[in-house]
Amino acid sequence: MKKLHKYLSIIVLVIVGCGEDDAVRRPSDAEYFPLRKGIYQVYSVHEVEYQLLAETKNVSYQIKTEVVDSFLNQEGGYTYTIHRSKRNTATDPWEFQQVWSVRMNTANVVVSEENVPFVKIVFPAIQNRQWNGNALNSLPADEYVLTETGDSYELMNGETVEEYIQVVQEDSFDPIIFLNKRQEIYARNIGLVQLEITDLEYCTDADDCEVGQQVIDNGTIYVQILIEYGQN
């Protein structure tokens, strides 16, 4: 009987020990959106604007986001203030554009863009997870899907970072009428690394075009890619 107790004790210790090790090693999904004062990201942006009867406009510039402050919110957590700045080239000075905010709890990450809150990520951040990105605003329901998780992601500068998730916010297509796609990619300990928006309407007037050939009537393609990150 004493031997049995001894063996049971060893088994319990092994199980408990393994559980503690797993808890220590397992990273938090909150790391996909790190929030600390001084954290910043710089993005290269390319934007194309289409109009059927006008010249296509191509614009390139850079966007910088930086966590500048935080305050206690009504949920008992913290809301972080994000300053967004813009410059045309890497040699131009940054020009302040707007203030966004981010709050996070055990359930999700909420980003307020121009005072409109969007649920960007939900926890746990697992593949095929679905949620309403507009759950906290007055806009129509918009289903987001976490479509992909990966072990490594290569940044624009050639650096490979560990672990990323891809969130598809919209993926709808009608070969006659429109194409609408929106997706964001987040890397662990970095945050947003890529944002793509394609919102196009095809020409459906037989007098102006051959219908069904996906001639763009109007719309926008927006691509935002991380080129630098760090903490001041």
Protein backbone atom coordinates (compact mmCIF):
# COMPACT_ATOMS: atom_id res chain seq x y z
CA MET A 1 0.00 0.00 0.00
CA LYS A 2 2.86 2.35 0.83
CA LYS A 3 4.38 1.69 -2.60
CA LEU A 4 1.05 2.45 -4.29
CA HIS A 5 0.82 5.76 -2.45
CA LYS A 6 4.38 6.52 -3.47
CA TYR A 7 3.68 5.86 -7.15
CA LEU A 8 0.46 7.86 -7.08
CA SER A 9 2.33 10.79 -5.55
CA ILE A 10 4.91 10.67 -8.30
CA ILE A 11 2.21 10.59 -11.00
CA VAL A 12 0.43 13.57 -9.45
CA LEU A 13 3.67 15.53 -9.26
CA VAL A 14 4.45 14.79 -12.91
CA ILE A 15 0.98 15.86 -14.05
CA VAL A 16 1.04 19.03 -11.96
CA GLY A 17 4.56 19.80 -13.11
CA CYS A 18 3.64 19.42 -16.75
CA GLY A 19 0.61 21.65 -16.27
CA GLU A 20 2.71 24.37 -14.70
CA ASP A 21 5.30 24.19 -17.47
CA ASP A 22 2.60 24.43 -20.14
CA ALA A 23 1.08 27.43 -18.40
CA VAL A 24 4.45 29.16 -18.31
CA ARG A 25 5.31 28.37 -21.93
CA ARG A 26 1.93 29.04 -23.51
CA PRO A 27 1.85 32.61 -24.85
CA SER A 28 -1.21 34.82 -24.51
CA ASP A 29 -3.25 35.65 -27.61
CA ALA A 30 -3.25 39.25 -26.36
CA GLU A 31 0.29 39.39 -27.73
CA TYR A 32 -1.16 39.69 -31.24
CA PHE A 33 -2.04 43.27 -30.29
CA PRO A 34 0.66 44.49 -27.85
CA LEU A 35 -0.31 47.61 -25.93
CA ARG A 36 2.36 49.55 -24.06
CA LYS A 37 3.18 53.23 -24.06
CA GLY A 38 5.77 53.99 -26.73
CA ILE A 39 5.03 51.02 -29.01
CA TYR A 40 4.89 52.13 -32.64
CA GLN A 41 4.48 50.73 -36.15
CA VAL A 42 5.34 52.31 -39.49
CA TYR A 43 3.53 51.18 -42.62
CA SER A 44 4.01 51.60 -46.34
CA VAL A 45 0.66 52.40 -47.97
CA HIS A 46 -0.32 52.15 -51.61
CA GLU A 47 -3.77 53.30 -52.65
CA VAL A 48 -5.43 53.09 -56.06
CA GLU A 49 -8.66 54.95 -56.81
CA TYR A 50 -10.69 54.01 -59.89
CA GLN A 51 -13.33 56.01 -61.77
CA LEU A 52 -14.72 54.90 -65.11
CA LEU A 53 -14.59 58.31 -66.76
CA ALA A 54 -11.51 59.63 -64.99
CA GLU A 55 -7.84 58.80 -64.76
CA THR A 56 -6.86 56.16 -62.21
CA LYS A 57 -5.13 57.71 -59.19
CA ASN A 58 -2.14 55.98 -57.59
CA VAL A 59 -0.93 57.30 -54.25
CA SER A 60 1.86 56.05 -51.98
CA TYR A 61 2.67 57.28 -48.48
CA GLN A 62 3.54 56.11 -44.97
CA ILE A 63 1.41 55.79 -41.84
CA LYS A 64 2.73 55.67 -38.27
CA THR A 65 0.71 54.45 -35.29
CA GLU A 66 1.98 54.97 -31.74
CA VAL A 67 0.59 54.22 -28.28
CA VAL A 68 0.93 57.54 -26.45
CA ASP A 69 -1.19 57.14 -23.31
CA SER A 70 -3.67 54.97 -21.40
CA PHE A 71 -6.46 55.47 -18.90
CA LEU A 72 -8.75 53.34 -16.74
CA ASN A 73 -12.04 52.58 -18.49
CA GLN A 74 -15.53 51.63 -17.25
CA GLU A 75 -14.82 47.93 -17.78
CA GLY A 76 -12.11 48.05 -15.13
CA GLY A 77 -9.37 47.70 -17.73
CA TYR A 78 -7.37 50.23 -19.71
CA THR A 79 -8.04 52.12 -22.91
CA TYR A 80 -4.95 53.03 -24.92
CA THR A 81 -4.67 56.21 -26.97
CA ILE A 82 -3.19 55.75 -30.45
CA HIS A 83 -1.81 58.65 -32.48
CA ARG A 84 -1.84 58.22 -36.24
CA SER A 85 0.55 60.28 -38.37
CA LYS A 86 1.25 60.47 -42.09
CA ARG A 87 4.11 61.42 -44.39
CA ASN A 88 4.56 61.19 -48.14
CA THR A 89 8.13 59.85 -48.11
CA ALA A 90 10.62 58.52 -45.57
CA THR A 91 12.46 61.88 -45.54
CA ASP A 92 9.38 64.00 -44.80
CA PRO A 93 8.38 64.96 -41.24
CA TRP A 94 5.41 63.18 -39.69
CA GLU A 95 2.12 65.07 -39.73
CA PHE A 96 -0.42 64.18 -37.04
CA GLN A 97 -3.71 62.96 -38.52
CA GLN A 98 -6.09 61.57 -35.89
CA VAL A 99 -6.54 59.82 -32.55
CA TRP A 100 -7.78 56.25 -32.35
CA SER A 101 -8.15 54.15 -29.23
CA VAL A 102 -7.85 50.48 -28.30
CA ARG A 103 -9.21 48.52 -25.37
CA MET A 104 -8.68 44.88 -24.55
CA ASN A 105 -10.22 42.42 -22.11
CA THR A 106 -10.24 38.64 -21.75
CA ALA A 107 -12.78 38.34 -24.60
CA ASN A 108 -11.60 40.63 -27.39
CA VAL A 109 -9.67 43.59 -28.80
CA VAL A 110 -11.77 46.63 -29.70
CA VAL A 111 -10.32 49.39 -31.91
CA SER A 112 -12.21 52.68 -32.15
CA GLU A 113 -11.52 54.20 -35.56
CA GLU A 114 -12.74 57.80 -35.62
CA ASN A 115 -14.92 56.97 -32.59
CA VAL A 116 -16.48 53.89 -34.23
CA PRO A 117 -15.62 50.70 -32.27
CA PHE A 118 -14.79 47.52 -34.18
CA VAL A 119 -14.13 44.10 -32.62
CA LYS A 120 -10.84 43.24 -34.34
CA ILE A 121 -9.81 40.01 -32.56
CA VAL A 122 -11.62 37.65 -30.21
CA PHE A 123 -10.03 35.24 -27.73
CA PRO A 124 -9.04 32.51 -27.96
CA ALA A 125 -7.66 33.37 -31.40
CA ILE A 126 -8.26 30.00 -33.04
CA GLN A 127 -8.76 29.09 -36.68
CA ASN A 128 -12.32 29.34 -38.07
CA ARG A 129 -13.49 31.48 -35.14
CA GLN A 130 -16.30 33.80 -36.27
CA TRP A 131 -17.76 36.96 -34.71
CA ASN A 132 -19.61 40.17 -35.52
CA GLY A 133 -17.05 42.92 -36.02
CA ASN A 134 -19.80 45.53 -35.64
CA ALA A 135 -21.21 44.12 -32.41
CA LEU A 136 -20.38 47.31 -30.49
CA ASN A 137 -21.49 49.90 -33.03
CA SER A 138 -24.70 50.77 -34.89
CA LEU A 139 -23.57 49.49 -38.30
CA PRO A 140 -25.13 46.35 -39.85
CA ALA A 141 -23.73 43.04 -38.63
CA ASP A 142 -20.45 42.14 -40.30
CA GLU A 143 -19.07 38.62 -39.90
CA TYR A 144 -15.32 38.38 -39.33
CA VAL A 145 -13.54 35.03 -39.65
CA LEU A 146 -10.13 34.07 -38.33
CA THR A 147 -9.18 32.09 -41.41
CA GLU A 148 -5.54 31.28 -40.81
CA THR A 149 -2.93 30.76 -38.11
CA GLY A 150 0.72 30.25 -38.94
CA ASP A 151 4.10 29.59 -37.36
CA SER A 152 6.08 32.26 -39.20
CA TYR A 153 5.53 35.38 -41.28
CA GLU A 154 8.04 37.29 -43.41
CA LEU A 155 7.94 41.05 -43.09
CA MET A 156 8.62 43.46 -45.94
CA ASN A 157 12.20 44.00 -44.68
CA GLY A 158 12.91 40.27 -44.92
CA GLU A 159 12.63 39.62 -41.18
CA THR A 160 10.76 36.45 -40.23
CA VAL A 161 8.60 36.69 -37.11
CA GLU A 162 6.98 33.88 -35.18
CA GLU A 163 3.24 33.20 -35.27
CA TYR A 164 0.56 35.18 -37.02
CA ILE A 165 -3.20 35.17 -37.51
CA GLN A 166 -5.26 36.29 -40.49
CA VAL A 167 -8.69 37.82 -40.02
CA VAL A 168 -10.96 38.11 -43.07
CA GLN A 169 -13.52 40.84 -42.52
CA GLU A 170 -15.17 40.61 -45.92
CA ASP A 171 -14.90 38.24 -48.87
CA SER A 172 -17.74 38.72 -51.33
CA PHE A 173 -17.70 38.66 -55.11
CA ASP A 174 -20.18 38.93 -57.94
CA PRO A 175 -18.50 38.59 -61.37
CA ILE A 176 -21.04 41.00 -62.87
CA ILE A 177 -21.40 43.62 -60.16
CA PHE A 178 -18.65 43.91 -57.52
CA LEU A 179 -15.65 42.65 -55.58
CA ASN A 180 -15.32 43.37 -51.87
CA LYS A 181 -12.47 41.95 -49.79
CA ARG A 182 -10.97 43.10 -46.50
CA GLN A 183 -8.40 41.29 -44.41
CA GLU A 184 -5.89 41.98 -41.63
CA ILE A 185 -2.83 40.00 -40.52
CA TYR A 186 -1.43 40.24 -36.99
CA ALA A 187 1.94 38.94 -35.80
CA ARG A 188 2.63 37.97 -32.20
CA ASN A 189 4.40 40.71 -30.18
CA ILE A 190 4.14 43.13 -33.11
CA GLY A 191 0.45 43.72 -33.89
CA LEU A 192 -0.98 44.56 -37.30
CA VAL A 193 1.50 43.73 -40.07
CA GLN A 194 -0.72 43.85 -43.16
CA LEU A 195 -4.08 45.33 -44.12
CA GLU A 196 -5.71 44.92 -47.52
CA ILE A 197 -8.97 46.40 -48.76
CA THR A 198 -10.41 45.86 -52.25
CA ASP A 199 -13.76 47.54 -52.87
CA LEU A 200 -14.66 47.63 -56.56
CA GLU A 201 -17.87 48.13 -58.53
CA TYR A 202 -17.96 46.81 -62.09
CA CYS A 203 -19.57 48.59 -65.00
CA THR A 204 -23.09 47.27 -65.66
CA ASP A 205 -24.17 49.80 -68.29
CA ALA A 206 -24.02 48.24 -71.76
CA ASP A 207 -23.64 51.72 -73.30
CA ASP A 208 -20.36 52.28 -71.47
CA CYS A 209 -18.78 48.83 -71.39
CA GLU A 210 -19.12 45.15 -72.15
CA VAL A 211 -21.05 43.85 -69.15
CA GLY A 212 -19.52 40.85 -67.40
CA GLN A 213 -15.92 41.68 -68.32
CA GLN A 214 -15.26 43.18 -64.86
CA VAL A 215 -14.51 46.64 -66.18
CA ILE A 216 -14.07 48.74 -63.06
CA ASP A 217 -16.62 51.52 -62.79
CA ASN A 218 -15.28 52.88 -59.52
CA GLY A 219 -13.64 51.73 -56.32
CA THR A 220 -10.48 51.53 -54.27
CA ILE A 221 -7.61 49.15 -53.61
CA TYR A 222 -5.74 49.87 -50.37
CA VAL A 223 -2.66 47.96 -49.19
CA GLN A 224 -0.90 48.75 -45.90
CA ILE A 225 2.27 46.78 -45.04
CA LEU A 226 4.49 47.03 -41.96
CA ILE A 227 8.05 48.27 -42.64
CA GLU A 228 9.23 49.22 -39.14
CA TYR A 229 8.24 48.66 -35.52
CA GLY A 230 9.63 49.24 -32.05
CA GLN A 231 9.17 51.08 -28.78
CA ASN A 232 10.27 54.62 -27.92
